[in-house]
Amino acid sequence: MTAPAPSEFSRWLRANEFGDGREREIEADEAERTALARRFRLRALDRLEARLSVTPEAAGALVRGTLVADLVQACVATDEDVPAHIDVPFAVRFVRGLDDDEQDSGEEGIELSDEDCDVLPLEDERIDLGETVAQTLALNLDPYPRIPGADETLRKMGVLSEEDTSPFAALKGLKLGKGES
């Protein structure tokens, strides 16, 4: 049995505690939010909470919930603060033996519906609800956050287009000298 990697926001739930879909609420404290902000390169993570239900299934468990977060990212164009509010539903199915060779042996697999989004292995008969929420947060971050009016701010700074900020922009105006090919 290998110990799972430590998470900044762990809320472990053992299989014998899954229950019958009872709703649970978890919330990251200040230290956990600070560590997660560092991990996801956020300027700030002011709120991270989730309302979850864990439903046992024959092959593991289904975790459904809603993630709510308030955070600040850096604008990719101007480096200014970009505040964001995330409020998203999610579903993650945890399956026993997902990484085992049995899955490749031709045995009948687990049938998933279109609404099933993520499938993770159920390891050591427990789930880290906090890490599940943290990963859901990461998947819902804007990969290219921009402040409103970022293009105008760039123009005021003398950048005519985003192409002008590329590493090759400086080469754009160069011409080959005489006798060079």
N, C-alpha and C. Protein backbone atom coordinates (compact mmCIF):
# COMPACT_ATOMS: atom_id res chain seq x y z
N MET A 1 0.85 -1.17 0.00
CA MET A 1 0.00 0.00 0.00
C MET A 1 0.89 1.24 0.00
N THR A 2 0.75 2.07 -1.02
CA THR A 2 1.55 3.29 -1.08
C THR A 2 0.74 4.46 -0.57
N ALA A 3 1.40 5.32 0.14
CA ALA A 3 0.72 6.50 0.68
C ALA A 3 0.52 7.52 -0.43
N PRO A 4 -0.68 8.10 -0.51
CA PRO A 4 -0.92 9.12 -1.53
C PRO A 4 -0.10 10.37 -1.26
N ALA A 5 0.17 11.10 -2.34
CA ALA A 5 0.92 12.35 -2.20
C ALA A 5 0.12 13.33 -1.35
N PRO A 6 0.80 14.09 -0.51
CA PRO A 6 0.07 15.05 0.34
C PRO A 6 -0.55 16.16 -0.53
N SER A 7 -1.69 16.62 -0.10
CA SER A 7 -2.40 17.68 -0.80
C SER A 7 -2.50 18.88 0.13
N GLU A 8 -2.57 20.06 -0.47
CA GLU A 8 -2.73 21.27 0.34
C GLU A 8 -4.10 21.34 0.99
N PHE A 9 -5.05 20.58 0.45
CA PHE A 9 -6.44 20.67 0.88
C PHE A 9 -7.03 19.26 0.92
N SER A 10 -6.68 18.50 1.94
CA SER A 10 -7.14 17.11 2.05
C SER A 10 -8.36 17.00 2.95
N ARG A 11 -9.32 16.26 2.46
CA ARG A 11 -10.51 15.90 3.24
C ARG A 11 -10.82 14.45 2.89
N TRP A 12 -10.21 13.52 3.63
CA TRP A 12 -10.31 12.11 3.31
C TRP A 12 -11.66 11.53 3.74
N LEU A 13 -12.16 10.63 2.91
CA LEU A 13 -13.40 9.93 3.20
C LEU A 13 -13.17 8.47 2.85
N ARG A 14 -13.34 7.59 3.84
CA ARG A 14 -13.16 6.14 3.62
C ARG A 14 -14.44 5.54 3.03
N ALA A 15 -14.28 4.44 2.34
CA ALA A 15 -15.41 3.78 1.67
C ALA A 15 -16.53 3.46 2.64
N ASN A 16 -16.19 3.06 3.88
CA ASN A 16 -17.23 2.74 4.85
C ASN A 16 -17.96 3.99 5.35
N GLU A 17 -17.52 5.18 4.94
CA GLU A 17 -18.17 6.44 5.33
C GLU A 17 -18.96 7.06 4.18
N PHE A 18 -18.97 6.40 3.00
CA PHE A 18 -19.64 6.98 1.83
C PHE A 18 -21.10 7.28 2.12
N GLY A 19 -21.77 6.40 2.85
CA GLY A 19 -23.17 6.65 3.21
C GLY A 19 -24.10 6.47 2.03
N ASP A 20 -25.15 7.24 2.03
CA ASP A 20 -26.20 7.08 1.02
C ASP A 20 -26.42 8.35 0.21
N GLY A 21 -25.38 9.08 -0.06
CA GLY A 21 -25.52 10.30 -0.84
C GLY A 21 -25.77 11.53 0.01
N ARG A 22 -25.59 11.40 1.31
CA ARG A 22 -25.78 12.53 2.21
C ARG A 22 -24.90 13.70 1.78
N GLU A 23 -25.43 14.89 1.82
CA GLU A 23 -24.68 16.07 1.40
C GLU A 23 -23.63 16.44 2.44
N ARG A 24 -22.45 16.85 1.92
CA ARG A 24 -21.35 17.28 2.78
C ARG A 24 -20.87 18.64 2.28
N GLU A 25 -20.38 19.45 3.18
CA GLU A 25 -19.80 20.74 2.80
C GLU A 25 -18.37 20.79 3.29
N ILE A 26 -17.47 21.25 2.40
CA ILE A 26 -16.08 21.44 2.79
C ILE A 26 -15.64 22.83 2.37
N GLU A 27 -14.70 23.37 3.13
CA GLU A 27 -14.21 24.72 2.86
C GLU A 27 -12.72 24.79 3.19
N ALA A 28 -11.96 25.42 2.32
CA ALA A 28 -10.52 25.58 2.55
C ALA A 28 -10.29 26.73 3.52
N ASP A 29 -9.40 26.51 4.49
CA ASP A 29 -9.05 27.59 5.41
C ASP A 29 -8.00 28.49 4.75
N GLU A 30 -7.60 29.53 5.45
CA GLU A 30 -6.68 30.52 4.86
C GLU A 30 -5.35 29.90 4.43
N ALA A 31 -4.77 29.05 5.26
CA ALA A 31 -3.48 28.42 4.91
C ALA A 31 -3.63 27.52 3.69
N GLU A 32 -4.73 26.78 3.62
CA GLU A 32 -4.97 25.90 2.47
C GLU A 32 -5.18 26.72 1.19
N ARG A 33 -5.93 27.81 1.30
CA ARG A 33 -6.15 28.67 0.13
C ARG A 33 -4.84 29.30 -0.35
N THR A 34 -3.99 29.71 0.60
CA THR A 34 -2.69 30.29 0.24
C THR A 34 -1.83 29.27 -0.50
N ALA A 35 -1.80 28.04 0.01
CA ALA A 35 -1.01 26.98 -0.63
C ALA A 35 -1.57 26.65 -2.01
N LEU A 36 -2.88 26.58 -2.14
CA LEU A 36 -3.49 26.29 -3.45
C LEU A 36 -3.25 27.44 -4.43
N ALA A 37 -3.29 28.68 -3.95
CA ALA A 37 -3.01 29.82 -4.82
C ALA A 37 -1.59 29.72 -5.37
N ARG A 38 -0.66 29.33 -4.53
CA ARG A 38 0.72 29.13 -4.98
C ARG A 38 0.79 28.01 -6.02
N ARG A 39 0.14 26.90 -5.72
CA ARG A 39 0.14 25.74 -6.63
C ARG A 39 -0.41 26.08 -8.00
N PHE A 40 -1.49 26.85 -8.05
CA PHE A 40 -2.15 27.17 -9.32
C PHE A 40 -1.76 28.54 -9.87
N ARG A 41 -0.73 29.16 -9.25
CA ARG A 41 -0.21 30.45 -9.69
C ARG A 41 -1.30 31.53 -9.75
N LEU A 42 -2.06 31.59 -8.67
CA LEU A 42 -3.09 32.61 -8.54
C LEU A 42 -2.54 33.75 -7.69
N ARG A 43 -3.02 34.94 -7.93
CA ARG A 43 -2.63 36.07 -7.08
C ARG A 43 -3.30 35.96 -5.72
N ALA A 44 -4.52 35.44 -5.72
CA ALA A 44 -5.26 35.26 -4.47
C ALA A 44 -6.35 34.22 -4.66
N LEU A 45 -6.64 33.52 -3.60
CA LEU A 45 -7.77 32.60 -3.55
C LEU A 45 -8.51 32.92 -2.26
N ASP A 46 -9.52 33.76 -2.38
CA ASP A 46 -10.22 34.29 -1.21
C ASP A 46 -11.31 33.36 -0.68
N ARG A 47 -11.78 32.46 -1.52
CA ARG A 47 -12.86 31.56 -1.12
C ARG A 47 -12.76 30.28 -1.93
N LEU A 48 -12.88 29.13 -1.26
CA LEU A 48 -12.96 27.84 -1.92
C LEU A 48 -13.81 26.94 -1.05
N GLU A 49 -14.95 26.59 -1.57
CA GLU A 49 -15.85 25.71 -0.83
C GLU A 49 -16.62 24.85 -1.82
N ALA A 50 -17.14 23.76 -1.31
CA ALA A 50 -17.90 22.86 -2.16
C ALA A 50 -19.00 22.18 -1.35
N ARG A 51 -20.07 21.94 -2.02
CA ARG A 51 -21.18 21.16 -1.47
C ARG A 51 -21.17 19.86 -2.28
N LEU A 52 -21.05 18.72 -1.59
CA LEU A 52 -20.84 17.44 -2.25
C LEU A 52 -21.81 16.38 -1.77
N SER A 53 -22.06 15.41 -2.62
CA SER A 53 -22.71 14.17 -2.19
C SER A 53 -21.89 13.02 -2.74
N VAL A 54 -21.71 12.01 -1.92
CA VAL A 54 -20.95 10.83 -2.31
C VAL A 54 -21.92 9.66 -2.29
N THR A 55 -22.08 9.02 -3.44
CA THR A 55 -23.00 7.90 -3.57
C THR A 55 -22.19 6.63 -3.85
N PRO A 56 -22.31 5.62 -2.98
CA PRO A 56 -21.58 4.39 -3.24
C PRO A 56 -22.14 3.68 -4.47
N GLU A 57 -21.24 3.03 -5.21
CA GLU A 57 -21.61 2.23 -6.37
C GLU A 57 -20.88 0.90 -6.26
N ALA A 58 -21.30 -0.06 -7.03
CA ALA A 58 -20.69 -1.39 -6.97
C ALA A 58 -19.18 -1.33 -7.20
N ALA A 59 -18.75 -0.49 -8.13
CA ALA A 59 -17.33 -0.42 -8.48
C ALA A 59 -16.59 0.70 -7.76
N GLY A 60 -17.27 1.46 -6.90
CA GLY A 60 -16.60 2.56 -6.22
C GLY A 60 -17.59 3.56 -5.67
N ALA A 61 -17.49 4.80 -6.17
CA ALA A 61 -18.37 5.86 -5.68
C ALA A 61 -18.49 6.97 -6.72
N LEU A 62 -19.61 7.66 -6.69
CA LEU A 62 -19.84 8.81 -7.53
C LEU A 62 -19.90 10.04 -6.63
N VAL A 63 -19.06 11.02 -6.92
CA VAL A 63 -19.05 12.28 -6.17
C VAL A 63 -19.62 13.35 -7.08
N ARG A 64 -20.71 13.96 -6.66
CA ARG A 64 -21.31 15.08 -7.38
C ARG A 64 -21.28 16.28 -6.45
N GLY A 65 -21.12 17.45 -7.06
CA GLY A 65 -21.10 18.61 -6.20
C GLY A 65 -21.10 19.91 -6.96
N THR A 66 -20.99 20.98 -6.19
CA THR A 66 -20.87 22.32 -6.74
C THR A 66 -19.69 22.99 -6.06
N LEU A 67 -18.81 23.54 -6.87
CA LEU A 67 -17.62 24.24 -6.40
C LEU A 67 -17.89 25.74 -6.49
N VAL A 68 -17.54 26.47 -5.44
CA VAL A 68 -17.65 27.93 -5.44
C VAL A 68 -16.30 28.48 -5.02
N ALA A 69 -15.77 29.42 -5.83
CA ALA A 69 -14.47 30.01 -5.52
C ALA A 69 -14.44 31.47 -5.95
N ASP A 70 -13.72 32.27 -5.19
CA ASP A 70 -13.41 33.66 -5.55
C ASP A 70 -11.90 33.76 -5.58
N LEU A 71 -11.38 34.28 -6.69
CA LEU A 71 -9.93 34.28 -6.88
C LEU A 71 -9.49 35.44 -7.73
N VAL A 72 -8.19 35.61 -7.81
CA VAL A 72 -7.58 36.65 -8.64
C VAL A 72 -6.45 36.02 -9.44
N GLN A 73 -6.48 36.21 -10.76
CA GLN A 73 -5.42 35.76 -11.64
C GLN A 73 -4.72 36.98 -12.24
N ALA A 74 -3.58 36.75 -12.87
CA ALA A 74 -2.86 37.83 -13.54
C ALA A 74 -3.29 37.87 -15.01
N CYS A 75 -3.57 39.07 -15.51
CA CYS A 75 -3.92 39.25 -16.92
C CYS A 75 -2.72 38.84 -17.78
N VAL A 76 -2.96 38.01 -18.79
CA VAL A 76 -1.86 37.56 -19.64
C VAL A 76 -1.32 38.67 -20.52
N ALA A 77 -2.08 39.72 -20.73
CA ALA A 77 -1.64 40.82 -21.59
C ALA A 77 -0.98 41.95 -20.81
N THR A 78 -1.54 42.29 -19.64
CA THR A 78 -1.06 43.48 -18.92
C THR A 78 -0.49 43.19 -17.54
N ASP A 79 -0.66 41.98 -17.05
CA ASP A 79 -0.22 41.57 -15.72
C ASP A 79 -1.04 42.23 -14.61
N GLU A 80 -2.17 42.82 -14.95
CA GLU A 80 -3.05 43.40 -13.92
C GLU A 80 -3.91 42.30 -13.31
N ASP A 81 -4.49 42.58 -12.16
CA ASP A 81 -5.35 41.62 -11.48
C ASP A 81 -6.64 41.38 -12.26
N VAL A 82 -7.03 40.12 -12.36
CA VAL A 82 -8.28 39.73 -12.99
C VAL A 82 -9.07 38.92 -11.96
N PRO A 83 -10.03 39.57 -11.29
CA PRO A 83 -10.84 38.83 -10.32
C PRO A 83 -11.80 37.88 -11.05
N ALA A 84 -12.09 36.75 -10.42
CA ALA A 84 -13.01 35.78 -11.02
C ALA A 84 -13.84 35.11 -9.93
N HIS A 85 -15.05 34.78 -10.29
CA HIS A 85 -15.95 34.01 -9.43
C HIS A 85 -16.29 32.74 -10.19
N ILE A 86 -16.08 31.60 -9.56
CA ILE A 86 -16.39 30.31 -10.17
C ILE A 86 -17.49 29.65 -9.36
N ASP A 87 -18.51 29.18 -10.04
CA ASP A 87 -19.62 28.47 -9.41
C ASP A 87 -20.04 27.40 -10.42
N VAL A 88 -19.50 26.19 -10.26
CA VAL A 88 -19.71 25.15 -11.26
C VAL A 88 -20.09 23.82 -10.63
N PRO A 89 -20.99 23.10 -11.29
CA PRO A 89 -21.28 21.73 -10.86
C PRO A 89 -20.22 20.79 -11.42
N PHE A 90 -20.01 19.66 -10.76
CA PHE A 90 -19.07 18.68 -11.27
C PHE A 90 -19.49 17.28 -10.82
N ALA A 91 -18.95 16.29 -11.50
CA ALA A 91 -19.17 14.89 -11.14
C ALA A 91 -17.89 14.12 -11.41
N VAL A 92 -17.48 13.33 -10.44
CA VAL A 92 -16.29 12.50 -10.58
C VAL A 92 -16.64 11.10 -10.09
N ARG A 93 -16.34 10.12 -10.92
CA ARG A 93 -16.58 8.73 -10.55
C ARG A 93 -15.24 8.12 -10.12
N PHE A 94 -15.21 7.53 -8.93
CA PHE A 94 -14.03 6.84 -8.43
C PHE A 94 -14.29 5.34 -8.58
N VAL A 95 -13.36 4.66 -9.25
CA VAL A 95 -13.57 3.26 -9.61
C VAL A 95 -12.45 2.40 -9.04
N ARG A 96 -12.85 1.30 -8.40
CA ARG A 96 -11.87 0.33 -7.90
C ARG A 96 -11.20 -0.37 -9.08
N GLY A 97 -9.88 -0.59 -8.96
CA GLY A 97 -9.16 -1.37 -9.96
C GLY A 97 -9.00 -0.71 -11.31
N LEU A 98 -9.18 0.58 -11.38
CA LEU A 98 -9.09 1.28 -12.66
C LEU A 98 -7.72 1.14 -13.29
N ASP A 99 -6.67 1.11 -12.50
CA ASP A 99 -5.31 1.00 -13.02
C ASP A 99 -4.83 -0.45 -13.14
N ASP A 100 -5.64 -1.41 -12.70
CA ASP A 100 -5.22 -2.80 -12.73
C ASP A 100 -5.16 -3.34 -14.15
N ASP A 101 -4.39 -4.40 -14.31
CA ASP A 101 -4.29 -5.07 -15.62
C ASP A 101 -5.60 -5.71 -16.02
N GLU A 102 -6.53 -5.89 -15.08
CA GLU A 102 -7.83 -6.48 -15.39
C GLU A 102 -8.56 -5.68 -16.46
N GLN A 103 -8.36 -4.39 -16.49
CA GLN A 103 -9.05 -3.55 -17.47
C GLN A 103 -8.61 -3.88 -18.89
N ASP A 104 -7.39 -4.39 -19.05
CA ASP A 104 -6.87 -4.73 -20.37
C ASP A 104 -7.11 -6.18 -20.73
N SER A 105 -7.72 -6.95 -19.85
CA SER A 105 -7.86 -8.38 -20.08
C SER A 105 -9.09 -8.74 -20.89
N GLY A 106 -9.85 -7.76 -21.35
CA GLY A 106 -11.02 -8.06 -22.15
C GLY A 106 -12.28 -8.22 -21.32
N GLU A 107 -12.19 -8.09 -20.00
CA GLU A 107 -13.38 -8.18 -19.17
C GLU A 107 -14.29 -7.01 -19.45
N GLU A 108 -15.57 -7.20 -19.17
CA GLU A 108 -16.53 -6.14 -19.41
C GLU A 108 -16.20 -4.92 -18.57
N GLY A 109 -16.18 -3.75 -19.19
CA GLY A 109 -15.84 -2.51 -18.50
C GLY A 109 -17.04 -1.87 -17.85
N ILE A 110 -16.81 -0.70 -17.31
CA ILE A 110 -17.86 0.07 -16.66
C ILE A 110 -18.49 0.97 -17.71
N GLU A 111 -19.79 0.96 -17.78
CA GLU A 111 -20.48 1.80 -18.76
C GLU A 111 -20.70 3.18 -18.17
N LEU A 112 -20.30 4.20 -18.93
CA LEU A 112 -20.43 5.58 -18.48
C LEU A 112 -21.43 6.31 -19.34
N SER A 113 -22.20 7.19 -18.75
CA SER A 113 -23.14 7.99 -19.53
C SER A 113 -22.45 9.26 -20.00
N ASP A 114 -23.13 9.99 -20.90
CA ASP A 114 -22.57 11.23 -21.44
C ASP A 114 -22.30 12.27 -20.36
N GLU A 115 -23.09 12.24 -19.30
CA GLU A 115 -22.92 13.25 -18.26
C GLU A 115 -21.71 12.98 -17.37
N ASP A 116 -21.19 11.75 -17.43
CA ASP A 116 -20.01 11.44 -16.62
C ASP A 116 -18.80 12.10 -17.24
N CYS A 117 -18.12 12.88 -16.43
CA CYS A 117 -17.03 13.70 -16.93
C CYS A 117 -15.69 13.11 -16.60
N ASP A 118 -15.39 12.91 -15.35
CA ASP A 118 -14.07 12.45 -14.94
C ASP A 118 -14.18 11.12 -14.23
N VAL A 119 -13.19 10.25 -14.49
CA VAL A 119 -13.11 8.96 -13.82
C VAL A 119 -11.71 8.84 -13.23
N LEU A 120 -11.64 8.56 -11.93
CA LEU A 120 -10.37 8.42 -11.23
C LEU A 120 -10.35 7.09 -10.48
N PRO A 121 -9.15 6.58 -10.20
CA PRO A 121 -9.09 5.33 -9.44
C PRO A 121 -9.45 5.54 -7.97
N LEU A 122 -10.16 4.58 -7.42
CA LEU A 122 -10.43 4.55 -5.99
C LEU A 122 -9.28 3.78 -5.37
N GLU A 123 -8.43 4.48 -4.66
CA GLU A 123 -7.22 3.88 -4.11
C GLU A 123 -7.35 3.71 -2.60
N ASP A 124 -6.96 2.56 -2.13
CA ASP A 124 -6.96 2.28 -0.69
C ASP A 124 -8.33 2.49 -0.05
N GLU A 125 -9.38 2.30 -0.84
CA GLU A 125 -10.76 2.40 -0.33
C GLU A 125 -11.07 3.74 0.31
N ARG A 126 -10.52 4.82 -0.28
CA ARG A 126 -10.83 6.15 0.24
C ARG A 126 -10.70 7.19 -0.87
N ILE A 127 -11.31 8.33 -0.63
CA ILE A 127 -11.33 9.44 -1.57
C ILE A 127 -10.88 10.70 -0.84
N ASP A 128 -10.07 11.51 -1.51
CA ASP A 128 -9.70 12.81 -0.96
C ASP A 128 -10.63 13.84 -1.59
N LEU A 129 -11.69 14.19 -0.87
CA LEU A 129 -12.66 15.15 -1.39
C LEU A 129 -12.04 16.52 -1.62
N GLY A 130 -11.12 16.92 -0.75
CA GLY A 130 -10.45 18.22 -0.90
C GLY A 130 -9.64 18.28 -2.18
N GLU A 131 -8.86 17.25 -2.45
CA GLU A 131 -8.06 17.23 -3.68
C GLU A 131 -8.95 17.16 -4.91
N THR A 132 -10.08 16.47 -4.81
CA THR A 132 -11.04 16.42 -5.91
C THR A 132 -11.55 17.83 -6.21
N VAL A 133 -11.85 18.60 -5.18
CA VAL A 133 -12.29 19.99 -5.35
C VAL A 133 -11.16 20.84 -5.92
N ALA A 134 -9.95 20.66 -5.42
CA ALA A 134 -8.80 21.43 -5.91
C ALA A 134 -8.57 21.17 -7.40
N GLN A 135 -8.64 19.92 -7.82
CA GLN A 135 -8.45 19.60 -9.24
C GLN A 135 -9.59 20.16 -10.09
N THR A 136 -10.79 20.15 -9.54
CA THR A 136 -11.92 20.74 -10.26
C THR A 136 -11.71 22.24 -10.43
N LEU A 137 -11.20 22.90 -9.40
CA LEU A 137 -10.86 24.31 -9.49
C LEU A 137 -9.87 24.54 -10.63
N ALA A 138 -8.79 23.75 -10.64
CA ALA A 138 -7.76 23.91 -11.67
C ALA A 138 -8.34 23.77 -13.08
N LEU A 139 -9.26 22.82 -13.25
CA LEU A 139 -9.87 22.60 -14.57
C LEU A 139 -10.78 23.75 -15.00
N ASN A 140 -11.24 24.54 -14.03
CA ASN A 140 -12.17 25.62 -14.34
C ASN A 140 -11.54 27.01 -14.33
N LEU A 141 -10.22 27.08 -14.14
CA LEU A 141 -9.54 28.37 -14.22
C LEU A 141 -9.46 28.83 -15.66
N ASP A 142 -9.55 30.12 -15.87
CA ASP A 142 -9.38 30.69 -17.20
C ASP A 142 -7.91 30.55 -17.58
N PRO A 143 -7.60 29.84 -18.68
CA PRO A 143 -6.19 29.66 -19.03
C PRO A 143 -5.53 30.94 -19.54
N TYR A 144 -6.33 31.90 -20.02
CA TYR A 144 -5.81 33.17 -20.54
C TYR A 144 -6.63 34.33 -19.99
N PRO A 145 -6.53 34.59 -18.69
CA PRO A 145 -7.34 35.67 -18.11
C PRO A 145 -6.90 37.03 -18.66
N ARG A 146 -7.89 37.87 -18.95
CA ARG A 146 -7.61 39.21 -19.48
C ARG A 146 -8.54 40.21 -18.81
N ILE A 147 -8.01 41.39 -18.55
CA ILE A 147 -8.84 42.45 -18.02
C ILE A 147 -9.69 42.99 -19.16
N PRO A 148 -10.84 43.56 -18.85
CA PRO A 148 -11.60 44.24 -19.90
C PRO A 148 -10.75 45.38 -20.45
N GLY A 149 -10.72 45.52 -21.75
CA GLY A 149 -9.96 46.59 -22.37
C GLY A 149 -8.47 46.33 -22.45
N ALA A 150 -8.06 45.08 -22.34
CA ALA A 150 -6.63 44.76 -22.38
C ALA A 150 -6.00 45.19 -23.71
N ASP A 151 -6.72 45.03 -24.82
CA ASP A 151 -6.17 45.41 -26.12
C ASP A 151 -5.90 46.91 -26.19
N GLU A 152 -6.82 47.71 -25.64
CA GLU A 152 -6.62 49.16 -25.65
C GLU A 152 -5.44 49.55 -24.77
N THR A 153 -5.31 48.89 -23.62
CA THR A 153 -4.17 49.15 -22.73
C THR A 153 -2.86 48.85 -23.44
N LEU A 154 -2.83 47.75 -24.19
CA LEU A 154 -1.63 47.39 -24.94
C LEU A 154 -1.31 48.43 -26.02
N ARG A 155 -2.35 48.91 -26.71
CA ARG A 155 -2.13 49.93 -27.76
C ARG A 155 -1.55 51.20 -27.15
N LYS A 156 -2.03 51.58 -25.95
CA LYS A 156 -1.50 52.76 -25.27
C LYS A 156 -0.03 52.57 -24.90
N MET A 157 0.36 51.32 -24.70
CA MET A 157 1.74 51.02 -24.35
C MET A 157 2.61 50.88 -25.60
N GLY A 158 2.00 51.07 -26.77
CA GLY A 158 2.76 51.01 -28.00
C GLY A 158 2.75 49.67 -28.70
N VAL A 159 1.98 48.73 -28.18
CA VAL A 159 1.87 47.43 -28.82
C VAL A 159 0.66 47.48 -29.75
N LEU A 160 0.89 47.29 -31.04
CA LEU A 160 -0.19 47.40 -32.00
C LEU A 160 -1.05 46.14 -32.04
N SER A 161 -0.44 44.99 -31.81
CA SER A 161 -1.19 43.73 -31.79
C SER A 161 -0.43 42.74 -30.93
N GLU A 162 -1.08 41.64 -30.61
CA GLU A 162 -0.41 40.63 -29.79
C GLU A 162 0.78 40.03 -30.52
N GLU A 163 0.72 39.98 -31.83
CA GLU A 163 1.85 39.46 -32.61
C GLU A 163 3.10 40.32 -32.37
N ASP A 164 2.91 41.61 -32.09
CA ASP A 164 4.03 42.51 -31.85
C ASP A 164 4.77 42.17 -30.56
N THR A 165 4.17 41.37 -29.69
CA THR A 165 4.81 41.02 -28.42
C THR A 165 5.49 39.66 -28.47
N SER A 166 5.45 38.98 -29.61
CA SER A 166 6.05 37.66 -29.71
C SER A 166 7.57 37.76 -29.77
N PRO A 167 8.29 36.67 -29.51
CA PRO A 167 9.75 36.70 -29.58
C PRO A 167 10.26 37.04 -30.98
N PHE A 168 9.45 36.80 -32.00
CA PHE A 168 9.88 37.05 -33.38
C PHE A 168 9.54 38.46 -33.85
N ALA A 169 8.83 39.22 -33.02
CA ALA A 169 8.43 40.57 -33.40
C ALA A 169 9.64 41.45 -33.68
N ALA A 170 10.70 41.29 -32.90
CA ALA A 170 11.91 42.11 -33.10
C ALA A 170 12.57 41.81 -34.44
N LEU A 171 12.41 40.61 -34.92
CA LEU A 171 13.02 40.23 -36.20
C LEU A 171 12.20 40.71 -37.39
N LYS A 172 10.94 41.03 -37.13
CA LYS A 172 10.00 41.40 -38.18
C LYS A 172 10.53 42.54 -39.06
N GLY A 173 11.14 43.54 -38.45
CA GLY A 173 11.59 44.71 -39.20
C GLY A 173 12.97 44.58 -39.78
N LEU A 174 13.70 43.53 -39.44
CA LEU A 174 15.05 43.38 -39.95
C LEU A 174 15.04 42.96 -41.43
N LYS A 175 15.97 43.47 -42.18
CA LYS A 175 16.11 43.08 -43.58
C LYS A 175 17.50 42.52 -43.77
N LEU A 176 17.63 41.63 -44.71
CA LEU A 176 18.95 41.08 -45.00
C LEU A 176 19.82 42.13 -45.67
N GLY A 177 21.08 42.20 -45.27
CA GLY A 177 22.02 43.15 -45.88
C GLY A 177 22.41 42.72 -47.28
N LYS A 178 23.06 43.61 -48.03
CA LYS A 178 23.50 43.32 -49.39
C LYS A 178 24.48 42.18 -49.37
N GLY A 179 24.39 41.33 -50.37
CA GLY A 179 25.32 40.23 -50.53
C GLY A 179 24.97 39.03 -49.66
N GLU A 180 23.95 39.14 -48.83
CA GLU A 180 23.53 37.99 -48.01
C GLU A 180 22.34 37.33 -48.67
N SER A 181 22.18 36.07 -48.44
CA SER A 181 21.05 35.40 -49.04
C SER A 181 20.09 34.90 -48.01
